[in-house]
Amino acid sequence: MIVRKFREGVILIVIGLILLANTLGYLDWSFWEHLIDLWPLALIAAGIAILIKAFSQKEVVDESE
């Protein structure tokens, strides 16, 4: 739960910084065109996150058998 809220907070901060940089003229609007070209990276990152979560969870072993 804490990790999810932390991730959401970081995402909002990054989006805000990008929009602020666009507004102040530090970042050209063509940035969005390049970002759209990199959309497969979001799928790769999601897959890696799922794998890390799956391997980091400890298995519960029933020793009563």
Protein backbone atom coordinates (compact mmCIF):
# COMPACT_ATOMS: atom_id res chain seq x y z
CA MET A 1 0.00 0.00 0.00
CA ILE A 2 2.80 2.40 0.89
CA VAL A 3 4.71 1.56 -2.28
CA ARG A 4 1.62 2.20 -4.40
CA LYS A 5 1.03 5.62 -2.84
CA PHE A 6 4.72 6.46 -3.23
CA ARG A 7 4.63 5.45 -6.90
CA GLU A 8 1.49 7.51 -7.53
CA GLY A 9 3.09 10.51 -5.85
CA VAL A 10 6.24 10.22 -7.96
CA ILE A 11 4.18 9.93 -11.14
CA LEU A 12 2.22 13.07 -10.29
CA ILE A 13 5.40 15.00 -9.50
CA VAL A 14 7.02 13.93 -12.79
CA ILE A 15 3.94 14.91 -14.79
CA GLY A 16 3.82 18.25 -13.00
CA LEU A 17 7.51 18.93 -13.66
CA ILE A 18 7.10 18.10 -17.35
CA LEU A 19 4.10 20.40 -17.69
CA LEU A 20 5.90 23.17 -15.78
CA ALA A 21 8.95 22.82 -18.04
CA ASN A 22 6.65 23.08 -21.08
CA THR A 23 4.96 26.17 -19.68
CA LEU A 24 8.25 27.91 -18.84
CA GLY A 25 9.73 27.09 -22.26
CA TYR A 26 12.44 24.73 -21.05
CA LEU A 27 10.87 21.78 -22.83
CA ASP A 28 9.53 21.91 -26.36
CA TRP A 29 6.09 20.46 -27.08
CA SER A 30 7.72 18.03 -29.52
CA PHE A 31 8.77 16.16 -26.38
CA TRP A 32 5.34 14.51 -26.39
CA GLU A 33 5.91 13.15 -29.90
CA HIS A 34 9.12 11.46 -28.76
CA LEU A 35 7.45 10.17 -25.61
CA ILE A 36 4.67 8.53 -27.62
CA ASP A 37 7.35 6.73 -29.69
CA LEU A 38 8.63 5.11 -26.48
CA TRP A 39 5.32 3.60 -25.32
CA PRO A 40 6.65 0.00 -25.50
CA LEU A 41 8.98 0.88 -22.62
CA ALA A 42 5.93 1.25 -20.39
CA LEU A 43 4.94 -2.35 -21.18
CA ILE A 44 8.47 -3.58 -20.47
CA ALA A 45 8.58 -1.66 -17.18
CA ALA A 46 5.21 -3.08 -16.13
CA GLY A 47 6.38 -6.61 -16.92
CA ILE A 48 9.58 -6.15 -14.93
CA ALA A 49 7.60 -4.78 -11.99
CA ILE A 50 5.31 -7.82 -12.06
CA LEU A 51 8.28 -10.20 -12.16
CA ILE A 52 10.03 -8.44 -9.29
CA LYS A 53 6.86 -8.55 -7.22
CA ALA A 54 6.34 -12.25 -7.97
CA PHE A 55 9.90 -13.21 -7.04
CA SER A 56 10.06 -11.02 -3.95
CA GLN A 57 6.98 -12.59 -2.32
CA LYS A 58 7.84 -15.39 0.04
CA GLU A 59 6.05 -18.67 -0.45
CA VAL A 60 4.13 -20.06 2.48
CA VAL A 61 5.07 -23.70 2.92
CA ASP A 62 2.67 -26.02 4.69
CA GLU A 63 4.81 -28.34 6.77
CA SER A 64 1.90 -30.29 8.26
CA GLU A 65 1.97 -32.90 5.50
